[in-house]
Structure formats: structure tokens, C-alpha cells
All heavy atoms as atom14 arrays in JSON, in Angstrom:
{
  "sequence": "HVTTTPNATMTGLAAPSRGSSELSTWQVDMAAGATGPEHSVSREQVWT",
  "atom14_mask": [
    [1, 1, 1, 1, 1, 1, 1, 1, 1, 1, 0, 0, 0, 0],
    [1, 1, 1, 1, 1, 1, 1, 0, 0, 0, 0, 0, 0, 0],
    [1, 1, 1, 1, 1, 1, 1, 0, 0, 0, 0, 0, 0, 0],
    [1, 1, 1, 1, 1, 1, 1, 0, 0, 0, 0, 0, 0, 0],
    [1, 1, 1, 1, 1, 1, 1, 0, 0, 0, 0, 0, 0, 0],
    [1, 1, 1, 1, 1, 1, 1, 0, 0, 0, 0, 0, 0, 0],
    [1, 1, 1, 1, 1, 1, 1, 1, 0, 0, 0, 0, 0, 0],
    [1, 1, 1, 1, 1, 0, 0, 0, 0, 0, 0, 0, 0, 0],
    [1, 1, 1, 1, 1, 1, 1, 0, 0, 0, 0, 0, 0, 0],
    [1, 1, 1, 1, 1, 1, 1, 1, 0, 0, 0, 0, 0, 0],
    [1, 1, 1, 1, 1, 1, 1, 0, 0, 0, 0, 0, 0, 0],
    [1, 1, 1, 1, 0, 0, 0, 0, 0, 0, 0, 0, 0, 0],
    [1, 1, 1, 1, 1, 1, 1, 1, 0, 0, 0, 0, 0, 0],
    [1, 1, 1, 1, 1, 0, 0, 0, 0, 0, 0, 0, 0, 0],
    [1, 1, 1, 1, 1, 0, 0, 0, 0, 0, 0, 0, 0, 0],
    [1, 1, 1, 1, 1, 1, 1, 0, 0, 0, 0, 0, 0, 0],
    [1, 1, 1, 1, 1, 1, 0, 0, 0, 0, 0, 0, 0, 0],
    [1, 1, 1, 1, 1, 1, 1, 1, 1, 1, 1, 0, 0, 0],
    [1, 1, 1, 1, 0, 0, 0, 0, 0, 0, 0, 0, 0, 0],
    [1, 1, 1, 1, 1, 1, 0, 0, 0, 0, 0, 0, 0, 0],
    [1, 1, 1, 1, 1, 1, 0, 0, 0, 0, 0, 0, 0, 0],
    [1, 1, 1, 1, 1, 1, 1, 1, 1, 0, 0, 0, 0, 0],
    [1, 1, 1, 1, 1, 1, 1, 1, 0, 0, 0, 0, 0, 0],
    [1, 1, 1, 1, 1, 1, 0, 0, 0, 0, 0, 0, 0, 0],
    [1, 1, 1, 1, 1, 1, 1, 0, 0, 0, 0, 0, 0, 0],
    [1, 1, 1, 1, 1, 1, 1, 1, 1, 1, 1, 1, 1, 1],
    [1, 1, 1, 1, 1, 1, 1, 1, 1, 0, 0, 0, 0, 0],
    [1, 1, 1, 1, 1, 1, 1, 0, 0, 0, 0, 0, 0, 0],
    [1, 1, 1, 1, 1, 1, 1, 1, 0, 0, 0, 0, 0, 0],
    [1, 1, 1, 1, 1, 1, 1, 1, 0, 0, 0, 0, 0, 0],
    [1, 1, 1, 1, 1, 0, 0, 0, 0, 0, 0, 0, 0, 0],
    [1, 1, 1, 1, 1, 0, 0, 0, 0, 0, 0, 0, 0, 0],
    [1, 1, 1, 1, 0, 0, 0, 0, 0, 0, 0, 0, 0, 0],
    [1, 1, 1, 1, 1, 0, 0, 0, 0, 0, 0, 0, 0, 0],
    [1, 1, 1, 1, 1, 1, 1, 0, 0, 0, 0, 0, 0, 0],
    [1, 1, 1, 1, 0, 0, 0, 0, 0, 0, 0, 0, 0, 0],
    [1, 1, 1, 1, 1, 1, 1, 0, 0, 0, 0, 0, 0, 0],
    [1, 1, 1, 1, 1, 1, 1, 1, 1, 0, 0, 0, 0, 0],
    [1, 1, 1, 1, 1, 1, 1, 1, 1, 1, 0, 0, 0, 0],
    [1, 1, 1, 1, 1, 1, 0, 0, 0, 0, 0, 0, 0, 0],
    [1, 1, 1, 1, 1, 1, 1, 0, 0, 0, 0, 0, 0, 0],
    [1, 1, 1, 1, 1, 1, 0, 0, 0, 0, 0, 0, 0, 0],
    [1, 1, 1, 1, 1, 1, 1, 1, 1, 1, 1, 0, 0, 0],
    [1, 1, 1, 1, 1, 1, 1, 1, 1, 0, 0, 0, 0, 0],
    [1, 1, 1, 1, 1, 1, 1, 1, 1, 0, 0, 0, 0, 0],
    [1, 1, 1, 1, 1, 1, 1, 0, 0, 0, 0, 0, 0, 0],
    [1, 1, 1, 1, 1, 1, 1, 1, 1, 1, 1, 1, 1, 1],
    [1, 1, 1, 1, 1, 1, 1, 0, 0, 0, 0, 0, 0, 0]
  ],
  "atom14_positions": [
    [[-51.99, -33.37, 99.59], [-52.58, -32.19, 98.95], [-52.15, -30.9, 99.63], [-52.6, -29.82, 99.25], [-54.11, -32.26, 98.97], [-54.67, -33.45, 98.28], [-55.88, -33.98, 98.64], [-54.2, -34.24, 97.29], [-56.14, -35.03, 97.88], [-55.13, -35.21, 97.06], [0.0, 0.0, 0.0], [0.0, 0.0, 0.0], [0.0, 0.0, 0.0], [0.0, 0.0, 0.0]],
    [[-51.3, -30.98, 100.65], [-50.9, -29.82, 101.43], [-49.45, -29.45, 101.09], [-48.56, -30.3, 101.12], [-51.04, -30.09, 102.94], [-50.58, -28.88, 103.75], [-52.48, -30.45, 103.29], [0.0, 0.0, 0.0], [0.0, 0.0, 0.0], [0.0, 0.0, 0.0], [0.0, 0.0, 0.0], [0.0, 0.0, 0.0], [0.0, 0.0, 0.0], [0.0, 0.0, 0.0]],
    [[-49.25, -28.17, 100.74], [-47.91, -27.65, 100.45], [-47.65, -26.51, 101.42], [-48.43, -25.56, 101.49], [-47.84, -27.11, 99.01], [-48.17, -28.16, 98.1], [-46.45, -26.58, 98.7], [0.0, 0.0, 0.0], [0.0, 0.0, 0.0], [0.0, 0.0, 0.0], [0.0, 0.0, 0.0], [0.0, 0.0, 0.0], [0.0, 0.0, 0.0], [0.0, 0.0, 0.0]],
    [[-46.53, -26.61, 102.15], [-46.16, -25.56, 103.08], [-44.9, -24.88, 102.57], [-43.93, -25.55, 102.22], [-45.92, -26.13, 104.49], [-47.14, -26.75, 104.93], [-45.54, -25.05, 105.48], [0.0, 0.0, 0.0], [0.0, 0.0, 0.0], [0.0, 0.0, 0.0], [0.0, 0.0, 0.0], [0.0, 0.0, 0.0], [0.0, 0.0, 0.0], [0.0, 0.0, 0.0]],
    [[-44.94, -23.56, 102.49], [-43.79, -22.76, 102.1], [-43.39, -21.91, 103.31], [-44.1, -21.92, 104.32], [-44.14, -21.83, 100.91], [-45.03, -20.81, 101.37], [-44.76, -22.61, 99.75], [0.0, 0.0, 0.0], [0.0, 0.0, 0.0], [0.0, 0.0, 0.0], [0.0, 0.0, 0.0], [0.0, 0.0, 0.0], [0.0, 0.0, 0.0], [0.0, 0.0, 0.0]],
    [[-42.29, -21.16, 103.23], [-41.94, -20.3, 104.36], [-43.0, -19.24, 104.66], [-43.03, -18.7, 105.77], [-40.64, -19.64, 103.9], [-40.05, -20.6, 102.93], [-41.24, -21.19, 102.22], [0.0, 0.0, 0.0], [0.0, 0.0, 0.0], [0.0, 0.0, 0.0], [0.0, 0.0, 0.0], [0.0, 0.0, 0.0], [0.0, 0.0, 0.0], [0.0, 0.0, 0.0]],
    [[-43.89, -18.94, 103.7], [-44.86, -17.86, 103.88], [-46.29, -18.31, 104.13], [-47.08, -17.55, 104.69], [-44.84, -16.95, 102.66], [-43.47, -16.4, 102.4], [-42.86, -15.81, 103.28], [-42.95, -16.62, 101.21], [0.0, 0.0, 0.0], [0.0, 0.0, 0.0], [0.0, 0.0, 0.0], [0.0, 0.0, 0.0], [0.0, 0.0, 0.0], [0.0, 0.0, 0.0]],
    [[-46.67, -19.5, 103.67], [-48.08, -19.9, 103.76], [-48.21, -21.41, 103.6], [-47.26, -22.1, 103.2], [-48.89, -19.2, 102.68], [0.0, 0.0, 0.0], [0.0, 0.0, 0.0], [0.0, 0.0, 0.0], [0.0, 0.0, 0.0], [0.0, 0.0, 0.0], [0.0, 0.0, 0.0], [0.0, 0.0, 0.0], [0.0, 0.0, 0.0], [0.0, 0.0, 0.0]],
    [[-49.41, -21.89, 103.88], [-49.77, -23.28, 103.64], [-50.93, -23.29, 102.66], [-51.94, -22.6, 102.87], [-50.17, -24.0, 104.94], [-49.05, -23.99, 105.82], [-50.6, -25.43, 104.68], [0.0, 0.0, 0.0], [0.0, 0.0, 0.0], [0.0, 0.0, 0.0], [0.0, 0.0, 0.0], [0.0, 0.0, 0.0], [0.0, 0.0, 0.0], [0.0, 0.0, 0.0]],
    [[-50.79, -24.06, 101.59], [-51.82, -24.2, 100.58], [-52.35, -25.63, 100.64], [-51.58, -26.58, 100.57], [-51.28, -23.91, 99.18], [-51.15, -22.45, 98.84], [-49.97, -21.49, 99.83], [-48.42, -22.26, 99.49], [0.0, 0.0, 0.0], [0.0, 0.0, 0.0], [0.0, 0.0, 0.0], [0.0, 0.0, 0.0], [0.0, 0.0, 0.0], [0.0, 0.0, 0.0]],
    [[-53.66, -25.75, 100.76], [-54.32, -27.05, 100.79], [-55.12, -27.2, 99.51], [-56.11, -26.47, 99.31], [-55.24, -27.18, 102.02], [-54.45, -26.98, 103.2], [-55.88, -28.55, 102.07], [0.0, 0.0, 0.0], [0.0, 0.0, 0.0], [0.0, 0.0, 0.0], [0.0, 0.0, 0.0], [0.0, 0.0, 0.0], [0.0, 0.0, 0.0], [0.0, 0.0, 0.0]],
    [[-54.68, -28.09, 98.64], [-55.35, -28.3, 97.36], [-56.72, -28.92, 97.54], [-56.88, -29.87, 98.3], [0.0, 0.0, 0.0], [0.0, 0.0, 0.0], [0.0, 0.0, 0.0], [0.0, 0.0, 0.0], [0.0, 0.0, 0.0], [0.0, 0.0, 0.0], [0.0, 0.0, 0.0], [0.0, 0.0, 0.0], [0.0, 0.0, 0.0], [0.0, 0.0, 0.0]],
    [[-57.68, -28.39, 96.85], [-59.04, -28.92, 96.87], [-59.32, -29.5, 95.48], [-58.84, -30.57, 95.17], [-60.03, -27.82, 97.29], [-59.72, -27.19, 98.66], [-60.57, -25.96, 98.91], [-59.89, -28.21, 99.77], [0.0, 0.0, 0.0], [0.0, 0.0, 0.0], [0.0, 0.0, 0.0], [0.0, 0.0, 0.0], [0.0, 0.0, 0.0], [0.0, 0.0, 0.0]],
    [[-60.04, -28.81, 94.63], [-60.28, -29.31, 93.27], [-59.06, -29.02, 92.4], [-58.43, -27.98, 92.52], [-61.5, -28.64, 92.67], [0.0, 0.0, 0.0], [0.0, 0.0, 0.0], [0.0, 0.0, 0.0], [0.0, 0.0, 0.0], [0.0, 0.0, 0.0], [0.0, 0.0, 0.0], [0.0, 0.0, 0.0], [0.0, 0.0, 0.0], [0.0, 0.0, 0.0]],
    [[-58.72, -29.97, 91.53], [-57.61, -29.83, 90.57], [-57.71, -30.99, 89.58], [-58.36, -31.99, 89.87], [-56.27, -29.87, 91.3], [0.0, 0.0, 0.0], [0.0, 0.0, 0.0], [0.0, 0.0, 0.0], [0.0, 0.0, 0.0], [0.0, 0.0, 0.0], [0.0, 0.0, 0.0], [0.0, 0.0, 0.0], [0.0, 0.0, 0.0], [0.0, 0.0, 0.0]],
    [[-57.05, -30.87, 88.44], [-57.09, -31.97, 87.47], [-56.63, -33.31, 88.06], [-57.18, -34.35, 87.73], [-56.16, -31.49, 86.35], [-56.32, -30.01, 86.4], [-56.4, -29.69, 87.87], [0.0, 0.0, 0.0], [0.0, 0.0, 0.0], [0.0, 0.0, 0.0], [0.0, 0.0, 0.0], [0.0, 0.0, 0.0], [0.0, 0.0, 0.0], [0.0, 0.0, 0.0]],
    [[-55.65, -33.28, 88.94], [-55.17, -34.53, 89.54], [-56.19, -35.12, 90.52], [-56.04, -36.26, 90.94], [-53.85, -34.29, 90.27], [-54.03, -33.38, 91.35], [0.0, 0.0, 0.0], [0.0, 0.0, 0.0], [0.0, 0.0, 0.0], [0.0, 0.0, 0.0], [0.0, 0.0, 0.0], [0.0, 0.0, 0.0], [0.0, 0.0, 0.0], [0.0, 0.0, 0.0]],
    [[-57.24, -34.34, 90.84], [-58.26, -34.81, 91.79], [-59.66, -34.76, 91.17], [-60.65, -34.72, 91.88], [-58.19, -33.96, 93.06], [-56.89, -34.19, 93.82], [-56.8, -33.4, 95.11], [-56.64, -31.96, 94.94], [-55.48, -31.33, 94.69], [-54.37, -32.03, 94.57], [-55.42, -30.04, 94.57], [0.0, 0.0, 0.0], [0.0, 0.0, 0.0], [0.0, 0.0, 0.0]],
    [[-59.74, -34.74, 89.82], [-61.02, -34.9, 89.16], [-61.6, -33.69, 88.45], [-62.56, -33.84, 87.71], [0.0, 0.0, 0.0], [0.0, 0.0, 0.0], [0.0, 0.0, 0.0], [0.0, 0.0, 0.0], [0.0, 0.0, 0.0], [0.0, 0.0, 0.0], [0.0, 0.0, 0.0], [0.0, 0.0, 0.0], [0.0, 0.0, 0.0], [0.0, 0.0, 0.0]],
    [[-61.07, -32.5, 88.66], [-61.57, -31.32, 87.96], [-60.88, -31.22, 86.6], [-59.67, -31.43, 86.5], [-61.26, -30.06, 88.78], [-61.61, -28.9, 88.07], [0.0, 0.0, 0.0], [0.0, 0.0, 0.0], [0.0, 0.0, 0.0], [0.0, 0.0, 0.0], [0.0, 0.0, 0.0], [0.0, 0.0, 0.0], [0.0, 0.0, 0.0], [0.0, 0.0, 0.0]],
    [[-61.63, -30.87, 85.58], [-61.0, -30.78, 84.26], [-60.52, -29.37, 83.91], [-59.64, -29.22, 83.06], [-61.95, -31.28, 83.18], [-63.11, -30.48, 83.15], [0.0, 0.0, 0.0], [0.0, 0.0, 0.0], [0.0, 0.0, 0.0], [0.0, 0.0, 0.0], [0.0, 0.0, 0.0], [0.0, 0.0, 0.0], [0.0, 0.0, 0.0], [0.0, 0.0, 0.0]],
    [[-61.07, -28.33, 84.51], [-60.74, -26.96, 84.12], [-60.28, -26.05, 85.25], [-59.52, -25.12, 85.02], [-61.94, -26.31, 83.45], [-62.35, -26.98, 82.16], [-63.52, -26.29, 81.51], [-63.87, -25.16, 81.91], [-64.11, -26.88, 80.61], [0.0, 0.0, 0.0], [0.0, 0.0, 0.0], [0.0, 0.0, 0.0], [0.0, 0.0, 0.0], [0.0, 0.0, 0.0]],
    [[-60.77, -26.28, 86.45], [-60.52, -25.35, 87.55], [-59.71, -25.99, 88.66], [-59.74, -27.2, 88.85], [-61.84, -24.86, 88.14], [-62.73, -24.07, 87.21], [-64.05, -23.75, 87.91], [-62.05, -22.79, 86.75], [0.0, 0.0, 0.0], [0.0, 0.0, 0.0], [0.0, 0.0, 0.0], [0.0, 0.0, 0.0], [0.0, 0.0, 0.0], [0.0, 0.0, 0.0]],
    [[-59.02, -25.12, 89.39], [-58.35, -25.51, 90.62], [-58.86, -24.61, 91.73], [-59.06, -23.41, 91.53], [-56.84, -25.34, 90.5], [-56.3, -26.25, 89.59], [0.0, 0.0, 0.0], [0.0, 0.0, 0.0], [0.0, 0.0, 0.0], [0.0, 0.0, 0.0], [0.0, 0.0, 0.0], [0.0, 0.0, 0.0], [0.0, 0.0, 0.0], [0.0, 0.0, 0.0]],
    [[-59.05, -25.2, 92.89], [-59.38, -24.42, 94.07], [-58.49, -24.91, 95.2], [-58.09, -26.07, 95.24], [-60.86, -24.55, 94.48], [-61.15, -25.9, 94.82], [-61.79, -24.07, 93.38], [0.0, 0.0, 0.0], [0.0, 0.0, 0.0], [0.0, 0.0, 0.0], [0.0, 0.0, 0.0], [0.0, 0.0, 0.0], [0.0, 0.0, 0.0], [0.0, 0.0, 0.0]],
    [[-58.16, -23.98, 96.09], [-57.34, -24.35, 97.24], [-57.58, -23.37, 98.37], [-58.16, -22.3, 98.17], [-55.86, -24.42, 96.88], [-55.22, -23.16, 96.4], [-54.59, -22.21, 97.16], [-55.14, -22.69, 95.06], [-54.12, -21.2, 96.36], [-54.45, -21.46, 95.06], [-55.6, -23.18, 93.83], [-54.2, -20.73, 93.91], [-55.35, -22.45, 92.68], [-54.65, -21.24, 92.73]],
    [[-57.14, -23.77, 99.55], [-57.21, -22.9, 100.71], [-55.81, -22.41, 101.01], [-54.85, -23.19, 100.99], [-57.77, -23.64, 101.92], [-57.84, -22.76, 103.16], [-58.52, -23.44, 104.31], [-59.58, -24.03, 104.12], [-57.94, -23.35, 105.49], [0.0, 0.0, 0.0], [0.0, 0.0, 0.0], [0.0, 0.0, 0.0], [0.0, 0.0, 0.0], [0.0, 0.0, 0.0]],
    [[-55.69, -21.12, 101.28], [-54.42, -20.52, 101.71], [-54.57, -20.13, 103.17], [-55.56, -19.49, 103.54], [-54.09, -19.25, 100.88], [-52.83, -18.58, 101.42], [-53.94, -19.57, 99.41], [0.0, 0.0, 0.0], [0.0, 0.0, 0.0], [0.0, 0.0, 0.0], [0.0, 0.0, 0.0], [0.0, 0.0, 0.0], [0.0, 0.0, 0.0], [0.0, 0.0, 0.0]],
    [[-53.6, -20.52, 103.97], [-53.52, -20.09, 105.37], [-52.18, -19.39, 105.55], [-51.13, -19.96, 105.22], [-53.61, -21.29, 106.32], [-54.97, -21.96, 106.24], [-55.96, -21.32, 106.63], [-55.04, -23.12, 105.79], [0.0, 0.0, 0.0], [0.0, 0.0, 0.0], [0.0, 0.0, 0.0], [0.0, 0.0, 0.0], [0.0, 0.0, 0.0], [0.0, 0.0, 0.0]],
    [[-52.22, -18.16, 106.04], [-51.01, -17.37, 106.2], [-51.0, -16.77, 107.6], [-52.0, -16.2, 108.04], [-50.94, -16.28, 105.13], [-49.65, -15.55, 105.01], [-49.69, -14.36, 103.61], [-48.42, -15.05, 102.59], [0.0, 0.0, 0.0], [0.0, 0.0, 0.0], [0.0, 0.0, 0.0], [0.0, 0.0, 0.0], [0.0, 0.0, 0.0], [0.0, 0.0, 0.0]],
    [[-49.88, -16.9, 108.3], [-49.75, -16.4, 109.66], [-49.53, -14.89, 109.67], [-48.97, -14.32, 108.74], [-48.59, -17.1, 110.37], [0.0, 0.0, 0.0], [0.0, 0.0, 0.0], [0.0, 0.0, 0.0], [0.0, 0.0, 0.0], [0.0, 0.0, 0.0], [0.0, 0.0, 0.0], [0.0, 0.0, 0.0], [0.0, 0.0, 0.0], [0.0, 0.0, 0.0]],
    [[-49.94, -14.26, 110.75], [-49.76, -12.83, 110.93], [-48.3, -12.45, 110.74], [-47.4, -13.12, 111.25], [-50.23, -12.4, 112.32], [0.0, 0.0, 0.0], [0.0, 0.0, 0.0], [0.0, 0.0, 0.0], [0.0, 0.0, 0.0], [0.0, 0.0, 0.0], [0.0, 0.0, 0.0], [0.0, 0.0, 0.0], [0.0, 0.0, 0.0], [0.0, 0.0, 0.0]],
    [[-48.07, -11.41, 109.96], [-46.73, -10.9, 109.71], [-46.04, -11.49, 108.49], [-45.03, -10.97, 108.03], [0.0, 0.0, 0.0], [0.0, 0.0, 0.0], [0.0, 0.0, 0.0], [0.0, 0.0, 0.0], [0.0, 0.0, 0.0], [0.0, 0.0, 0.0], [0.0, 0.0, 0.0], [0.0, 0.0, 0.0], [0.0, 0.0, 0.0], [0.0, 0.0, 0.0]],
    [[-46.59, -12.56, 107.93], [-45.97, -13.19, 106.76], [-46.24, -12.36, 105.51], [-47.29, -11.72, 105.37], [-46.52, -14.6, 106.56], [0.0, 0.0, 0.0], [0.0, 0.0, 0.0], [0.0, 0.0, 0.0], [0.0, 0.0, 0.0], [0.0, 0.0, 0.0], [0.0, 0.0, 0.0], [0.0, 0.0, 0.0], [0.0, 0.0, 0.0], [0.0, 0.0, 0.0]],
    [[-45.28, -12.4, 104.59], [-45.41, -11.72, 103.3], [-44.89, -12.65, 102.22], [-43.78, -13.16, 102.32], [-44.61, -10.4, 103.28], [-45.08, -9.56, 104.32], [-44.76, -9.69, 101.95], [0.0, 0.0, 0.0], [0.0, 0.0, 0.0], [0.0, 0.0, 0.0], [0.0, 0.0, 0.0], [0.0, 0.0, 0.0], [0.0, 0.0, 0.0], [0.0, 0.0, 0.0]],
    [[-45.68, -12.86, 101.19], [-45.25, -13.68, 100.08], [-44.35, -12.9, 99.14], [-44.26, -11.67, 99.23], [0.0, 0.0, 0.0], [0.0, 0.0, 0.0], [0.0, 0.0, 0.0], [0.0, 0.0, 0.0], [0.0, 0.0, 0.0], [0.0, 0.0, 0.0], [0.0, 0.0, 0.0], [0.0, 0.0, 0.0], [0.0, 0.0, 0.0], [0.0, 0.0, 0.0]],
    [[-43.71, -13.59, 98.21], [-42.84, -12.91, 97.24], [-43.66, -12.12, 96.22], [-44.81, -12.45, 95.94], [-42.1, -14.06, 96.58], [-43.05, -15.21, 96.67], [-43.77, -15.04, 97.98], [0.0, 0.0, 0.0], [0.0, 0.0, 0.0], [0.0, 0.0, 0.0], [0.0, 0.0, 0.0], [0.0, 0.0, 0.0], [0.0, 0.0, 0.0], [0.0, 0.0, 0.0]],
    [[-43.04, -11.1, 95.66], [-43.67, -10.4, 94.54], [-43.72, -11.37, 93.37], [-42.72, -12.03, 93.07], [-42.85, -9.15, 94.2], [-43.51, -8.3, 93.16], [-42.76, -7.01, 92.91], [-41.53, -7.08, 92.68], [-43.38, -5.95, 92.95], [0.0, 0.0, 0.0], [0.0, 0.0, 0.0], [0.0, 0.0, 0.0], [0.0, 0.0, 0.0], [0.0, 0.0, 0.0]],
    [[-44.87, -11.47, 92.72], [-45.03, -12.43, 91.63], [-46.25, -12.06, 90.8], [-47.05, -11.22, 91.19], [-45.18, -13.85, 92.18], [-46.44, -14.07, 92.97], [-46.64, -13.56, 94.25], [-47.59, -14.71, 92.65], [-47.83, -13.9, 94.68], [-48.45, -14.58, 93.73], [0.0, 0.0, 0.0], [0.0, 0.0, 0.0], [0.0, 0.0, 0.0], [0.0, 0.0, 0.0]],
    [[-46.37, -12.72, 89.66], [-47.59, -12.62, 88.85], [-48.05, -14.03, 88.53], [-47.27, -14.98, 88.58], [-47.35, -11.82, 87.57], [-46.39, -12.47, 86.77], [0.0, 0.0, 0.0], [0.0, 0.0, 0.0], [0.0, 0.0, 0.0], [0.0, 0.0, 0.0], [0.0, 0.0, 0.0], [0.0, 0.0, 0.0], [0.0, 0.0, 0.0], [0.0, 0.0, 0.0]],
    [[-49.32, -14.17, 88.21], [-49.91, -15.46, 87.86], [-50.52, -15.32, 86.48], [-51.16, -14.31, 86.17], [-50.97, -15.89, 88.9], [-51.57, -17.24, 88.54], [-50.37, -15.95, 90.3], [0.0, 0.0, 0.0], [0.0, 0.0, 0.0], [0.0, 0.0, 0.0], [0.0, 0.0, 0.0], [0.0, 0.0, 0.0], [0.0, 0.0, 0.0], [0.0, 0.0, 0.0]],
    [[-50.34, -16.32, 85.65], [-50.78, -16.23, 84.26], [-52.29, -16.31, 84.07], [-52.78, -16.1, 82.97], [-50.11, -17.33, 83.43], [-50.52, -18.61, 83.9], [0.0, 0.0, 0.0], [0.0, 0.0, 0.0], [0.0, 0.0, 0.0], [0.0, 0.0, 0.0], [0.0, 0.0, 0.0], [0.0, 0.0, 0.0], [0.0, 0.0, 0.0], [0.0, 0.0, 0.0]],
    [[-53.03, -16.6, 85.13], [-54.49, -16.69, 85.06], [-55.12, -15.83, 86.14], [-54.54, -15.6, 87.2], [-54.95, -18.15, 85.25], [-54.47, -19.09, 84.18], [-55.11, -18.74, 82.87], [-54.67, -19.66, 81.83], [-54.82, -19.4, 80.55], [-55.35, -18.27, 80.15], [-54.41, -20.26, 79.65], [0.0, 0.0, 0.0], [0.0, 0.0, 0.0], [0.0, 0.0, 0.0]],
    [[-56.34, -15.37, 85.88], [-57.09, -14.66, 86.89], [-57.28, -15.55, 88.12], [-57.48, -16.76, 87.99], [-58.46, -14.3, 86.31], [-59.39, -13.61, 87.3], [-60.73, -13.33, 86.67], [-61.56, -14.27, 86.61], [-60.94, -12.2, 86.22], [0.0, 0.0, 0.0], [0.0, 0.0, 0.0], [0.0, 0.0, 0.0], [0.0, 0.0, 0.0], [0.0, 0.0, 0.0]],
    [[-57.2, -14.94, 89.3], [-57.48, -15.65, 90.54], [-58.58, -14.93, 91.29], [-58.64, -13.7, 91.29], [-56.24, -15.72, 91.44], [-55.15, -16.62, 90.93], [-54.01, -16.73, 91.92], [-53.7, -15.8, 92.65], [-53.37, -17.88, 91.92], [0.0, 0.0, 0.0], [0.0, 0.0, 0.0], [0.0, 0.0, 0.0], [0.0, 0.0, 0.0], [0.0, 0.0, 0.0]],
    [[-59.42, -15.7, 91.98], [-60.48, -15.17, 92.82], [-60.22, -15.66, 94.24], [-60.18, -16.87, 94.48], [-61.87, -15.62, 92.33], [-62.96, -15.1, 93.25], [-62.1, -15.16, 90.89], [0.0, 0.0, 0.0], [0.0, 0.0, 0.0], [0.0, 0.0, 0.0], [0.0, 0.0, 0.0], [0.0, 0.0, 0.0], [0.0, 0.0, 0.0], [0.0, 0.0, 0.0]],
    [[-59.99, -14.73, 95.15], [-59.69, -15.02, 96.55], [-60.89, -14.6, 97.4], [-61.28, -13.43, 97.38], [-58.49, -14.23, 97.04], [-57.17, -14.61, 96.47], [-56.82, -14.65, 95.15], [-56.01, -14.96, 97.21], [-55.49, -15.01, 95.04], [-54.98, -15.2, 96.29], [-55.73, -15.08, 98.58], [-53.7, -15.57, 96.69], [-54.47, -15.45, 98.97], [-53.46, -15.7, 98.03]],
    [[-61.45, -15.51, 98.19], [-62.51, -15.19, 99.14], [-61.97, -15.43, 100.54], [-61.57, -16.55, 100.87], [-63.76, -16.04, 98.88], [-64.23, -15.78, 97.55], [-64.87, -15.71, 99.88], [0.0, 0.0, 0.0], [0.0, 0.0, 0.0], [0.0, 0.0, 0.0], [0.0, 0.0, 0.0], [0.0, 0.0, 0.0], [0.0, 0.0, 0.0], [0.0, 0.0, 0.0]]
  ]
}
């Protein structure tokens, strides 16, 4: 459930492949100084 990219690590929590029918949740961990690529996402995201 863990995906590591050059910029961050995403740990999948709820998702359709793990029992959720509509929502996905995950944890993002990003090291100091890292910057992700410019991008857009087709759905609203809520980051806490």
C-alpha cells in the first residue's frame, strides 16, 4: 500500500481495492525541501 516517488511517500489507507466503495484516503509524507510537480487532480482533495 506504500508508493514512494522522488518527492514523497504515499501510504494508501481506504480505497476500493481495500473495501471502500466511494472514497480514498492516504497519508503523504514529504521531506523538507521537496517539491512535487505542477499538476491538477480531477476531484476535490481535502488535506489535513
